[in-house]
Amino acid sequence: MAPRFTLVELHIARQEIKKSRFIAAAAPVADEAAAKDFIAAQSDPEANHNCWAWRFGQNYRFNDDGEPSGTAGKPILAAIDGQALDGVAVVVTRWFGGILLGSGGLIRAYGGTAALCLREAGKVEVVETADVTIACLFGDFTRVQARLATLPSVRLRDQAFTDTGGTLSVTAPKSEIDGVIRLVTDLTSGRALIREYP
């Protein structure tokens, strides 16, 4: 599967096209609710149009906000997809400058402003992770915890203790989960109880 990326933080880009001002705001968003909040926060009620798009995996939405159908939201989504981005929302706000751009001009203006913003923004690769819960006896617990802490891509999220041992909650890239399970199984000679959550 081709690598996917998301944005590091909010980024804004501006350009003027035939006296119309365009401002694109793009940011990483965790879910549809966060995308809606971002769109509401970035939309300017004084502007003529606040067009937007967002994508999370197979889910996406876009809106032309009064521009001719297909001339704004869809080109913004195409800019997101063109840079292999995921978990991203983009709002392109337009202040009309008095010169009609036509359908082709609008598509280029909205898609181009979104693409400019996304090209300039800092990106990071999206790595799919899985969660694992490891329950082990006190004799194994500190050894397992110390060894997992040395793995740079493994994150120890939580720990809890019982009368006989402890439980570790761990997050790791899906591609490395089997290795983590093998490591824990070897360290505990198979005594650990391991549960994986997708």
C-alpha atoms as a PDB file:
ATOM      1  CA  MET A   1       0.000   0.000   0.000  1.00  0.00           C
ATOM      2  CA  ALA A   2       1.292   3.453  -0.905  1.00  0.00           C
ATOM      3  CA  PRO A   3       2.300   5.638   2.034  1.00  0.00           C
ATOM      4  CA  ARG A   4      -0.226   8.187   3.263  1.00  0.00           C
ATOM      5  CA  PHE A   5       0.536  11.444   5.016  1.00  0.00           C
ATOM      6  CA  THR A   6      -1.193  13.964   7.247  1.00  0.00           C
ATOM      7  CA  LEU A   7      -0.334  17.513   8.214  1.00  0.00           C
ATOM      8  CA  VAL A   8       1.771  18.420  11.233  1.00  0.00           C
ATOM      9  CA  GLU A   9      -0.207  21.572  12.072  1.00  0.00           C
ATOM     10  CA  LEU A  10      -2.467  24.312  10.717  1.00  0.00           C
ATOM     11  CA  HIS A  11      -1.123  26.010   7.577  1.00  0.00           C
ATOM     12  CA  ILE A  12      -2.501  29.006   5.671  1.00  0.00           C
ATOM     13  CA  ALA A  13      -1.772  30.183   2.125  1.00  0.00           C
ATOM     14  CA  ARG A  14      -3.076  33.215   0.233  1.00  0.00           C
ATOM     15  CA  GLN A  15      -3.259  34.245  -3.396  1.00  0.00           C
ATOM     16  CA  GLU A  16      -5.049  36.786  -5.541  1.00  0.00           C
ATOM     17  CA  ILE A  17      -6.541  35.708  -8.867  1.00  0.00           C
ATOM     18  CA  LYS A  18      -8.131  38.366 -11.105  1.00  0.00           C
ATOM     19  CA  LYS A  19      -8.828  40.618  -8.109  1.00  0.00           C
ATOM     20  CA  SER A  20     -10.513  37.838  -6.098  1.00  0.00           C
ATOM     21  CA  ARG A  21      -8.721  36.996  -2.848  1.00  0.00           C
ATOM     22  CA  PHE A  22      -8.378  33.327  -1.889  1.00  0.00           C
ATOM     23  CA  ILE A  23      -7.195  32.070   1.505  1.00  0.00           C
ATOM     24  CA  ALA A  24      -6.707  28.349   2.137  1.00  0.00           C
ATOM     25  CA  ALA A  25      -6.492  26.942   5.660  1.00  0.00           C
ATOM     26  CA  ALA A  26      -5.507  23.291   6.074  1.00  0.00           C
ATOM     27  CA  ALA A  27      -5.046  21.216   9.215  1.00  0.00           C
ATOM     28  CA  PRO A  28      -4.905  17.669  10.523  1.00  0.00           C
ATOM     29  CA  VAL A  29      -8.222  16.526  12.002  1.00  0.00           C
ATOM     30  CA  ALA A  30      -8.989  13.392  14.017  1.00  0.00           C
ATOM     31  CA  ASP A  31     -12.545  12.722  12.842  1.00  0.00           C
ATOM     32  CA  GLU A  32     -15.622  14.157  11.120  1.00  0.00           C
ATOM     33  CA  ALA A  33     -16.631  16.194  14.197  1.00  0.00           C
ATOM     34  CA  ALA A  34     -13.169  17.801  14.330  1.00  0.00           C
ATOM     35  CA  ALA A  35     -13.378  18.545  10.595  1.00  0.00           C
ATOM     36  CA  LYS A  36     -16.740  20.279  11.070  1.00  0.00           C
ATOM     37  CA  ASP A  37     -15.348  22.319  13.978  1.00  0.00           C
ATOM     38  CA  PHE A  38     -12.303  23.322  11.911  1.00  0.00           C
ATOM     39  CA  ILE A  39     -14.479  24.352   8.945  1.00  0.00           C
ATOM     40  CA  ALA A  40     -16.726  26.429  11.220  1.00  0.00           C
ATOM     41  CA  ALA A  41     -13.715  28.093  12.878  1.00  0.00           C
ATOM     42  CA  GLN A  42     -11.967  28.920   9.575  1.00  0.00           C
ATOM     43  CA  SER A  43     -15.022  30.104   7.623  1.00  0.00           C
ATOM     44  CA  ASP A  44     -15.400  33.887   7.388  1.00  0.00           C
ATOM     45  CA  PRO A  45     -19.053  35.021   7.351  1.00  0.00           C
ATOM     46  CA  GLU A  46     -17.947  38.277   5.637  1.00  0.00           C
ATOM     47  CA  ALA A  47     -16.504  36.355   2.660  1.00  0.00           C
ATOM     48  CA  ASN A  48     -18.475  35.484  -0.480  1.00  0.00           C
ATOM     49  CA  HIS A  49     -17.696  31.748  -0.282  1.00  0.00           C
ATOM     50  CA  ASN A  50     -16.189  29.313   2.248  1.00  0.00           C
ATOM     51  CA  CYS A  51     -15.646  26.115   0.256  1.00  0.00           C
ATOM     52  CA  TRP A  52     -14.180  23.024   1.871  1.00  0.00           C
ATOM     53  CA  ALA A  53     -13.257  19.343   1.726  1.00  0.00           C
ATOM     54  CA  TRP A  54     -11.975  16.705   4.125  1.00  0.00           C
ATOM     55  CA  ARG A  55     -10.849  13.072   3.949  1.00  0.00           C
ATOM     56  CA  PHE A  56     -10.429  10.214   6.472  1.00  0.00           C
ATOM     57  CA  GLY A  57      -9.565   6.963   4.743  1.00  0.00           C
ATOM     58  CA  GLN A  58     -12.548   6.055   2.550  1.00  0.00           C
ATOM     59  CA  ASN A  59     -14.739   8.809   4.060  1.00  0.00           C
ATOM     60  CA  TYR A  60     -14.783  12.264   2.519  1.00  0.00           C
ATOM     61  CA  ARG A  61     -17.032  15.298   2.072  1.00  0.00           C
ATOM     62  CA  PHE A  62     -16.822  18.528   0.091  1.00  0.00           C
ATOM     63  CA  ASN A  63     -18.947  21.639  -0.342  1.00  0.00           C
ATOM     64  CA  ASP A  64     -19.097  24.368  -3.021  1.00  0.00           C
ATOM     65  CA  ASP A  65     -20.816  26.933  -0.728  1.00  0.00           C
ATOM     66  CA  GLY A  66     -22.716  28.657  -3.516  1.00  0.00           C
ATOM     67  CA  GLU A  67     -20.110  28.376  -6.264  1.00  0.00           C
ATOM     68  CA  PRO A  68     -21.249  26.479  -9.398  1.00  0.00           C
ATOM     69  CA  SER A  69     -21.485  22.733  -8.691  1.00  0.00           C
ATOM     70  CA  GLY A  70     -18.155  20.930  -8.934  1.00  0.00           C
ATOM     71  CA  THR A  71     -15.998  24.079  -9.187  1.00  0.00           C
ATOM     72  CA  ALA A  72     -14.764  24.395  -5.594  1.00  0.00           C
ATOM     73  CA  GLY A  73     -15.203  21.526  -3.119  1.00  0.00           C
ATOM     74  CA  LYS A  74     -14.280  18.760  -5.556  1.00  0.00           C
ATOM     75  CA  PRO A  75     -11.033  20.480  -6.710  1.00  0.00           C
ATOM     76  CA  ILE A  76     -10.094  21.007  -3.031  1.00  0.00           C
ATOM     77  CA  LEU A  77     -10.635  17.274  -2.385  1.00  0.00           C
ATOM     78  CA  ALA A  78      -8.563  16.513  -5.512  1.00  0.00           C
ATOM     79  CA  ALA A  79      -5.723  18.612  -4.028  1.00  0.00           C
ATOM     80  CA  ILE A  80      -5.896  16.561  -0.797  1.00  0.00           C
ATOM     81  CA  ASP A  81      -5.887  13.266  -2.737  1.00  0.00           C
ATOM     82  CA  GLY A  82      -3.196  14.472  -5.146  1.00  0.00           C
ATOM     83  CA  GLN A  83      -0.747  14.716  -2.250  1.00  0.00           C
ATOM     84  CA  ALA A  84      -1.743  11.362  -0.669  1.00  0.00           C
ATOM     85  CA  LEU A  85      -3.105  13.072   2.445  1.00  0.00           C
ATOM     86  CA  ASP A  86      -5.452  11.584   5.026  1.00  0.00           C
ATOM     87  CA  GLY A  87      -7.049  12.979   8.187  1.00  0.00           C
ATOM     88  CA  VAL A  88      -6.980  16.458   6.647  1.00  0.00           C
ATOM     89  CA  ALA A  89      -9.534  19.267   6.243  1.00  0.00           C
ATOM     90  CA  VAL A  90      -9.132  22.289   3.958  1.00  0.00           C
ATOM     91  CA  VAL A  91     -11.210  25.477   3.776  1.00  0.00           C
ATOM     92  CA  VAL A  92     -10.706  27.878   0.859  1.00  0.00           C
ATOM     93  CA  THR A  93     -12.336  31.257   1.448  1.00  0.00           C
ATOM     94  CA  ARG A  94     -13.006  33.646  -1.449  1.00  0.00           C
ATOM     95  CA  TRP A  95     -13.669  37.366  -1.523  1.00  0.00           C
ATOM     96  CA  PHE A  96     -15.079  38.197  -4.972  1.00  0.00           C
ATOM     97  CA  GLY A  97     -13.058  40.849  -6.834  1.00  0.00           C
ATOM     98  CA  GLY A  98     -15.584  41.753  -9.516  1.00  0.00           C
ATOM     99  CA  ILE A  99     -14.193  39.628 -12.368  1.00  0.00           C
ATOM    100  CA  LEU A 100     -15.961  36.375 -13.222  1.00  0.00           C
ATOM    101  CA  LEU A 101     -13.522  33.448 -13.438  1.00  0.00           C
ATOM    102  CA  GLY A 102     -15.753  30.957 -15.273  1.00  0.00           C
ATOM    103  CA  SER A 103     -15.993  27.263 -14.330  1.00  0.00           C
ATOM    104  CA  GLY A 104     -12.464  26.374 -15.450  1.00  0.00           C
ATOM    105  CA  GLY A 105     -11.037  29.418 -13.681  1.00  0.00           C
ATOM    106  CA  LEU A 106     -12.849  28.565 -10.444  1.00  0.00           C
ATOM    107  CA  ILE A 107     -11.647  24.948 -10.550  1.00  0.00           C
ATOM    108  CA  ARG A 108      -8.055  26.132 -11.048  1.00  0.00           C
ATOM    109  CA  ALA A 109      -8.376  28.840  -8.384  1.00  0.00           C
ATOM    110  CA  TYR A 110      -9.876  26.658  -5.629  1.00  0.00           C
ATOM    111  CA  GLY A 111      -7.849  23.543  -6.449  1.00  0.00           C
ATOM    112  CA  GLY A 112      -4.680  25.591  -6.976  1.00  0.00           C
ATOM    113  CA  THR A 113      -5.001  27.550  -3.722  1.00  0.00           C
ATOM    114  CA  ALA A 114      -5.655  24.330  -1.770  1.00  0.00           C
ATOM    115  CA  ALA A 115      -2.715  22.578  -3.486  1.00  0.00           C
ATOM    116  CA  LEU A 116      -0.405  25.550  -2.770  1.00  0.00           C
ATOM    117  CA  CYS A 117      -1.349  25.458   0.911  1.00  0.00           C
ATOM    118  CA  LEU A 118      -0.904  21.679   1.170  1.00  0.00           C
ATOM    119  CA  ARG A 119       2.452  21.707  -0.678  1.00  0.00           C
ATOM    120  CA  GLU A 120       3.842  24.283   1.777  1.00  0.00           C
ATOM    121  CA  ALA A 121       2.472  22.542   4.905  1.00  0.00           C
ATOM    122  CA  GLY A 122       4.608  20.243   7.046  1.00  0.00           C
ATOM    123  CA  LYS A 123       3.667  16.583   6.606  1.00  0.00           C
ATOM    124  CA  VAL A 124       4.206  13.349   8.494  1.00  0.00           C
ATOM    125  CA  GLU A 125       3.557   9.788   7.359  1.00  0.00           C
ATOM    126  CA  VAL A 126       0.411   8.122   8.734  1.00  0.00           C
ATOM    127  CA  VAL A 127       1.407   4.853  10.403  1.00  0.00           C
ATOM    128  CA  GLU A 128      -1.389   2.424  11.256  1.00  0.00           C
ATOM    129  CA  THR A 129      -1.075   1.208  14.824  1.00  0.00           C
ATOM    130  CA  ALA A 130      -2.562  -1.536  16.953  1.00  0.00           C
ATOM    131  CA  ASP A 131      -2.943  -1.861  20.710  1.00  0.00           C
ATOM    132  CA  VAL A 132      -1.752  -4.793  22.793  1.00  0.00           C
ATOM    133  CA  THR A 133      -2.400  -5.590  26.450  1.00  0.00           C
ATOM    134  CA  ILE A 134       0.264  -7.694  28.138  1.00  0.00           C
ATOM    135  CA  ALA A 135      -0.421  -9.337  31.512  1.00  0.00           C
ATOM    136  CA  CYS A 136       2.550 -10.954  33.242  1.00  0.00           C
ATOM    137  CA  LEU A 137       3.846 -12.024  36.636  1.00  0.00           C
ATOM    138  CA  PHE A 138       5.924  -9.672  38.785  1.00  0.00           C
ATOM    139  CA  GLY A 139       9.045 -11.696  37.962  1.00  0.00           C
ATOM    140  CA  ASP A 140       8.641 -10.870  34.247  1.00  0.00           C
ATOM    141  CA  PHE A 141       7.008  -7.447  34.459  1.00  0.00           C
ATOM    142  CA  THR A 142      10.017  -5.139  34.883  1.00  0.00           C
ATOM    143  CA  ARG A 143      12.058  -7.045  32.275  1.00  0.00           C
ATOM    144  CA  VAL A 144       9.232  -6.803  29.700  1.00  0.00           C
ATOM    145  CA  GLN A 145       8.593  -3.137  30.506  1.00  0.00           C
ATOM    146  CA  ALA A 146      12.287  -2.207  30.273  1.00  0.00           C
ATOM    147  CA  ARG A 147      12.790  -4.064  26.998  1.00  0.00           C
ATOM    148  CA  LEU A 148       9.682  -2.552  25.339  1.00  0.00           C
ATOM    149  CA  ALA A 149      10.785   0.926  26.467  1.00  0.00           C
ATOM    150  CA  THR A 150      13.948   0.541  24.352  1.00  0.00           C
ATOM    151  CA  LEU A 151      11.927   0.099  21.122  1.00  0.00           C
ATOM    152  CA  PRO A 152      11.553   3.563  19.497  1.00  0.00           C
ATOM    153  CA  SER A 153       8.279   2.832  17.695  1.00  0.00           C
ATOM    154  CA  VAL A 154       6.553   1.214  20.699  1.00  0.00           C
ATOM    155  CA  ARG A 155       4.616   3.431  23.101  1.00  0.00           C
ATOM    156  CA  LEU A 156       3.819   2.278  26.640  1.00  0.00           C
ATOM    157  CA  ARG A 157       0.428   3.876  27.320  1.00  0.00           C
ATOM    158  CA  ASP A 158      -0.614   2.554  30.691  1.00  0.00           C
ATOM    159  CA  GLN A 159       0.220   0.088  33.432  1.00  0.00           C
ATOM    160  CA  ALA A 160      -1.785  -1.508  36.235  1.00  0.00           C
ATOM    161  CA  PHE A 161      -0.959  -3.984  38.977  1.00  0.00           C
ATOM    162  CA  THR A 162      -2.720  -7.051  40.358  1.00  0.00           C
ATOM    163  CA  ASP A 163      -1.885  -9.294  43.342  1.00  0.00           C
ATOM    164  CA  THR A 164       0.411 -11.466  41.218  1.00  0.00           C
ATOM    165  CA  GLY A 165       1.808  -9.146  38.541  1.00  0.00           C
ATOM    166  CA  GLY A 166       1.074  -6.286  36.196  1.00  0.00           C
ATOM    167  CA  THR A 167      -0.580  -5.299  32.946  1.00  0.00           C
ATOM    168  CA  LEU A 168       0.945  -3.090  30.265  1.00  0.00           C
ATOM    169  CA  SER A 169      -1.032  -1.350  27.530  1.00  0.00           C
ATOM    170  CA  VAL A 170       1.136  -0.869  24.454  1.00  0.00           C
ATOM    171  CA  THR A 171       0.686   0.800  21.053  1.00  0.00           C
ATOM    172  CA  ALA A 172       2.917  -0.108  18.120  1.00  0.00           C
ATOM    173  CA  PRO A 173       2.849   0.090  14.323  1.00  0.00           C
ATOM    174  CA  LYS A 174       0.731  -2.770  12.925  1.00  0.00           C
ATOM    175  CA  SER A 175       3.730  -3.930  10.899  1.00  0.00           C
ATOM    176  CA  GLU A 176       5.701  -4.499  14.151  1.00  0.00           C
ATOM    177  CA  ILE A 177       3.016  -6.054  16.387  1.00  0.00           C
ATOM    178  CA  ASP A 178       3.997  -9.660  15.594  1.00  0.00           C
ATOM    179  CA  GLY A 179       7.598  -8.868  16.571  1.00  0.00           C
ATOM    180  CA  VAL A 180       6.477  -7.282  19.857  1.00  0.00           C
ATOM    181  CA  ILE A 181       4.351 -10.355  20.673  1.00  0.00           C
ATOM    182  CA  ARG A 182       7.266 -12.699  19.854  1.00  0.00           C
ATOM    183  CA  LEU A 183       9.636 -10.627  22.015  1.00  0.00           C
ATOM    184  CA  VAL A 184       7.276 -10.689  25.026  1.00  0.00           C
ATOM    185  CA  THR A 185       6.601 -14.417  24.551  1.00  0.00           C
ATOM    186  CA  ASP A 186      10.367 -15.114  24.483  1.00  0.00           C
ATOM    187  CA  LEU A 187      11.114 -12.868  27.497  1.00  0.00           C
ATOM    188  CA  THR A 188       8.427 -14.559  29.603  1.00  0.00           C
ATOM    189  CA  SER A 189       8.901 -18.100  28.232  1.00  0.00           C
ATOM    190  CA  GLY A 190       5.260 -17.989  27.128  1.00  0.00           C
ATOM    191  CA  ARG A 191       3.862 -17.040  30.543  1.00  0.00           C
ATOM    192  CA  ALA A 192       2.467 -13.644  29.493  1.00  0.00           C
ATOM    193  CA  LEU A 193      -1.149 -13.287  28.440  1.00  0.00           C
ATOM    194  CA  ILE A 194      -1.254 -11.075  25.332  1.00  0.00           C
ATOM    195  CA  ARG A 195      -4.396  -9.569  23.774  1.00  0.00           C
ATOM    196  CA  GLU A 196      -4.260  -7.628  20.518  1.00  0.00           C
ATOM    197  CA  TYR A 197      -6.810  -4.957  19.560  1.00  0.00           C
ATOM    198  CA  PRO A 198      -6.976  -3.816  15.914  1.00  0.00           C
END
